[in-house]
Amino acid sequence: TDGILWYRHVNHGERWLSTPMQLAAGTLTAAIPAVYTDSPSPLQYYFELHTSNAATLFPAFNKTLSNQPYYAIHKRT
């Protein structure tokens, strides 16, 4: 099992950036660089997860493709 963390500022003019996730003790982890998070813009992110025979996105689309397929976080002030 492995994965990729995809992230960007909430700005459709920006490309998605990615970082590989690390597996340790059965848990995948990754971090968005601190310099990137030091922004007034909210961040959005999602995970691309792989097994030996499949890949999926998390959060995934629902059956009607009407949900938000990413998480969004805002900077605390």
N, C-alpha and C. Protein backbone atom coordinates (compact mmCIF):
# COMPACT_ATOMS: atom_id res chain seq x y z
N THR A 1 0.84 -1.18 0.00
CA THR A 1 0.00 0.00 0.00
C THR A 1 0.88 1.24 0.00
N ASP A 2 0.55 2.18 -0.84
CA ASP A 2 1.23 3.47 -0.83
C ASP A 2 0.24 4.54 -1.27
N GLY A 3 0.69 5.77 -1.28
CA GLY A 3 -0.22 6.84 -1.65
C GLY A 3 0.50 8.14 -1.94
N ILE A 4 -0.29 9.09 -2.43
CA ILE A 4 0.21 10.41 -2.76
C ILE A 4 -0.76 11.42 -2.15
N LEU A 5 -0.22 12.45 -1.51
CA LEU A 5 -1.02 13.57 -1.03
C LEU A 5 -0.97 14.66 -2.08
N TRP A 6 -2.13 15.07 -2.60
CA TRP A 6 -2.23 16.15 -3.58
C TRP A 6 -2.79 17.37 -2.87
N TYR A 7 -2.23 18.56 -3.14
CA TYR A 7 -2.67 19.76 -2.45
C TYR A 7 -2.45 21.00 -3.31
N ARG A 8 -3.19 22.06 -2.99
CA ARG A 8 -3.01 23.37 -3.61
C ARG A 8 -3.81 24.39 -2.81
N HIS A 9 -3.54 25.67 -3.05
CA HIS A 9 -4.39 26.70 -2.49
C HIS A 9 -5.73 26.64 -3.22
N VAL A 10 -6.77 27.11 -2.57
CA VAL A 10 -8.09 27.11 -3.21
C VAL A 10 -8.07 28.22 -4.27
N ASN A 11 -7.57 27.83 -5.43
CA ASN A 11 -7.38 28.75 -6.55
C ASN A 11 -7.25 27.89 -7.80
N HIS A 12 -8.24 27.92 -8.65
CA HIS A 12 -8.22 27.06 -9.83
C HIS A 12 -7.14 27.44 -10.83
N GLY A 13 -6.48 28.57 -10.61
CA GLY A 13 -5.36 28.96 -11.47
C GLY A 13 -4.06 28.28 -11.06
N GLU A 14 -4.05 27.62 -9.91
CA GLU A 14 -2.84 26.92 -9.45
C GLU A 14 -2.91 25.45 -9.80
N ARG A 15 -1.77 24.90 -10.12
CA ARG A 15 -1.69 23.46 -10.37
C ARG A 15 -1.63 22.72 -9.03
N TRP A 16 -2.10 21.48 -9.05
CA TRP A 16 -1.99 20.63 -7.87
C TRP A 16 -0.52 20.25 -7.68
N LEU A 17 -0.07 20.24 -6.44
CA LEU A 17 1.26 19.77 -6.07
C LEU A 17 1.08 18.45 -5.35
N SER A 18 2.15 17.66 -5.27
CA SER A 18 2.01 16.36 -4.62
C SER A 18 3.27 16.01 -3.83
N THR A 19 3.07 15.12 -2.89
CA THR A 19 4.17 14.56 -2.13
C THR A 19 3.83 13.10 -1.83
N PRO A 20 4.82 12.20 -1.93
CA PRO A 20 4.52 10.80 -1.64
C PRO A 20 4.22 10.60 -0.16
N MET A 21 3.36 9.65 0.11
CA MET A 21 3.05 9.30 1.49
C MET A 21 4.00 8.19 1.94
N GLN A 22 4.33 8.19 3.22
CA GLN A 22 5.25 7.21 3.79
C GLN A 22 4.45 6.22 4.64
N LEU A 23 4.77 4.94 4.50
CA LEU A 23 4.10 3.89 5.28
C LEU A 23 4.98 3.51 6.45
N ALA A 24 4.45 3.61 7.64
CA ALA A 24 5.16 3.20 8.86
C ALA A 24 4.14 2.63 9.84
N ALA A 25 4.42 1.44 10.32
CA ALA A 25 3.54 0.78 11.30
C ALA A 25 2.09 0.72 10.81
N GLY A 26 1.89 0.47 9.53
CA GLY A 26 0.56 0.32 8.96
C GLY A 26 -0.20 1.62 8.72
N THR A 27 0.49 2.77 8.84
CA THR A 27 -0.16 4.07 8.67
C THR A 27 0.55 4.87 7.59
N LEU A 28 -0.22 5.43 6.66
CA LEU A 28 0.35 6.32 5.65
C LEU A 28 0.34 7.75 6.18
N THR A 29 1.45 8.46 6.02
CA THR A 29 1.54 9.85 6.45
C THR A 29 2.22 10.69 5.38
N ALA A 30 1.93 11.97 5.41
CA ALA A 30 2.58 12.94 4.53
C ALA A 30 2.35 14.32 5.13
N ALA A 31 3.15 15.28 4.71
CA ALA A 31 2.99 16.64 5.22
C ALA A 31 3.11 17.65 4.09
N ILE A 32 2.30 18.67 4.16
CA ILE A 32 2.40 19.79 3.23
C ILE A 32 3.49 20.71 3.78
N PRO A 33 4.43 21.13 2.95
CA PRO A 33 5.52 21.98 3.45
C PRO A 33 5.00 23.23 4.17
N ALA A 34 5.61 23.56 5.29
CA ALA A 34 5.19 24.70 6.11
C ALA A 34 5.20 26.00 5.31
N VAL A 35 6.20 26.19 4.46
CA VAL A 35 6.27 27.43 3.69
C VAL A 35 5.05 27.57 2.77
N TYR A 36 4.51 26.47 2.30
CA TYR A 36 3.33 26.51 1.43
C TYR A 36 2.07 26.84 2.23
N THR A 37 2.03 26.39 3.48
CA THR A 37 0.83 26.63 4.29
C THR A 37 0.79 28.04 4.86
N ASP A 38 1.90 28.76 4.80
CA ASP A 38 1.95 30.13 5.31
C ASP A 38 1.36 31.07 4.26
N SER A 39 0.06 31.02 4.13
CA SER A 39 -0.65 31.77 3.10
C SER A 39 -2.03 32.14 3.63
N PRO A 40 -2.57 33.28 3.23
CA PRO A 40 -3.93 33.62 3.64
C PRO A 40 -4.99 32.77 2.91
N SER A 41 -4.59 32.11 1.83
CA SER A 41 -5.53 31.29 1.06
C SER A 41 -5.78 29.95 1.74
N PRO A 42 -7.02 29.49 1.72
CA PRO A 42 -7.29 28.15 2.23
C PRO A 42 -6.56 27.10 1.39
N LEU A 43 -6.38 25.93 1.95
CA LEU A 43 -5.78 24.80 1.23
C LEU A 43 -6.84 23.75 0.94
N GLN A 44 -6.67 23.08 -0.17
CA GLN A 44 -7.51 21.92 -0.46
C GLN A 44 -6.57 20.76 -0.72
N TYR A 45 -7.03 19.56 -0.34
CA TYR A 45 -6.18 18.39 -0.51
C TYR A 45 -7.01 17.12 -0.62
N TYR A 46 -6.40 16.11 -1.22
CA TYR A 46 -7.02 14.79 -1.29
C TYR A 46 -5.90 13.75 -1.38
N PHE A 47 -6.27 12.50 -1.24
CA PHE A 47 -5.30 11.41 -1.24
C PHE A 47 -5.53 10.48 -2.41
N GLU A 48 -4.46 10.06 -3.03
CA GLU A 48 -4.48 9.01 -4.05
C GLU A 48 -3.86 7.79 -3.39
N LEU A 49 -4.66 6.72 -3.24
CA LEU A 49 -4.22 5.54 -2.51
C LEU A 49 -4.10 4.35 -3.45
N HIS A 50 -3.04 3.57 -3.26
CA HIS A 50 -2.76 2.42 -4.13
C HIS A 50 -2.60 1.15 -3.31
N THR A 51 -3.11 0.05 -3.86
CA THR A 51 -2.79 -1.28 -3.35
C THR A 51 -2.15 -2.02 -4.51
N SER A 52 -1.85 -3.28 -4.32
CA SER A 52 -1.18 -4.03 -5.39
C SER A 52 -2.04 -4.19 -6.63
N ASN A 53 -3.36 -4.07 -6.50
CA ASN A 53 -4.21 -4.28 -7.67
C ASN A 53 -5.28 -3.20 -7.88
N ALA A 54 -5.20 -2.08 -7.16
CA ALA A 54 -6.22 -1.05 -7.33
C ALA A 54 -5.69 0.31 -6.90
N ALA A 55 -6.39 1.35 -7.33
CA ALA A 55 -6.09 2.72 -6.91
C ALA A 55 -7.42 3.42 -6.69
N THR A 56 -7.43 4.35 -5.74
CA THR A 56 -8.65 5.10 -5.45
C THR A 56 -8.29 6.49 -4.94
N LEU A 57 -9.24 7.39 -5.01
CA LEU A 57 -9.08 8.73 -4.45
C LEU A 57 -9.86 8.80 -3.15
N PHE A 58 -9.36 9.60 -2.22
CA PHE A 58 -10.06 9.80 -0.96
C PHE A 58 -10.00 11.26 -0.59
N PRO A 59 -11.10 11.95 -0.40
CA PRO A 59 -12.44 11.38 -0.48
C PRO A 59 -12.82 11.08 -1.93
N ALA A 60 -13.63 10.09 -2.08
CA ALA A 60 -14.05 9.65 -3.42
C ALA A 60 -15.30 10.41 -3.85
N PHE A 61 -15.56 10.39 -5.14
CA PHE A 61 -16.81 10.94 -5.65
C PHE A 61 -17.97 10.03 -5.22
N ASN A 62 -19.14 10.63 -5.01
CA ASN A 62 -20.32 9.81 -4.74
C ASN A 62 -20.89 9.33 -6.08
N LYS A 63 -21.98 8.57 -6.03
CA LYS A 63 -22.55 7.99 -7.25
C LYS A 63 -23.02 9.02 -8.25
N THR A 64 -23.44 10.19 -7.79
CA THR A 64 -23.94 11.21 -8.70
C THR A 64 -22.89 12.29 -9.01
N LEU A 65 -21.68 12.11 -8.53
CA LEU A 65 -20.58 13.06 -8.75
C LEU A 65 -20.93 14.47 -8.26
N SER A 66 -21.73 14.54 -7.19
CA SER A 66 -22.20 15.83 -6.72
C SER A 66 -21.54 16.29 -5.41
N ASN A 67 -20.59 15.53 -4.92
CA ASN A 67 -19.94 15.91 -3.67
C ASN A 67 -18.61 16.63 -3.91
N GLN A 68 -18.03 17.10 -2.86
CA GLN A 68 -16.72 17.78 -2.92
C GLN A 68 -15.64 16.70 -2.79
N PRO A 69 -14.84 16.44 -3.81
CA PRO A 69 -13.86 15.34 -3.76
C PRO A 69 -12.51 15.75 -3.17
N TYR A 70 -12.54 16.63 -2.18
CA TYR A 70 -11.32 17.06 -1.51
C TYR A 70 -11.70 17.66 -0.17
N TYR A 71 -10.72 17.83 0.67
CA TYR A 71 -10.90 18.51 1.94
C TYR A 71 -10.40 19.93 1.79
N ALA A 72 -10.95 20.85 2.56
CA ALA A 72 -10.50 22.24 2.55
C ALA A 72 -10.28 22.69 3.99
N ILE A 73 -9.15 23.37 4.21
CA ILE A 73 -8.85 23.89 5.54
C ILE A 73 -8.47 25.36 5.43
N HIS A 74 -8.84 26.12 6.44
CA HIS A 74 -8.57 27.56 6.47
C HIS A 74 -7.54 27.85 7.55
N LYS A 75 -6.76 28.85 7.34
CA LYS A 75 -5.76 29.26 8.32
C LYS A 75 -6.46 29.93 9.50
N ARG A 76 -6.03 29.56 10.69
CA ARG A 76 -6.56 30.20 11.89
C ARG A 76 -5.92 31.56 12.05
N THR A 77 -6.72 32.51 12.52
CA THR A 77 -6.18 33.86 12.75
C THR A 77 -6.20 34.20 14.22
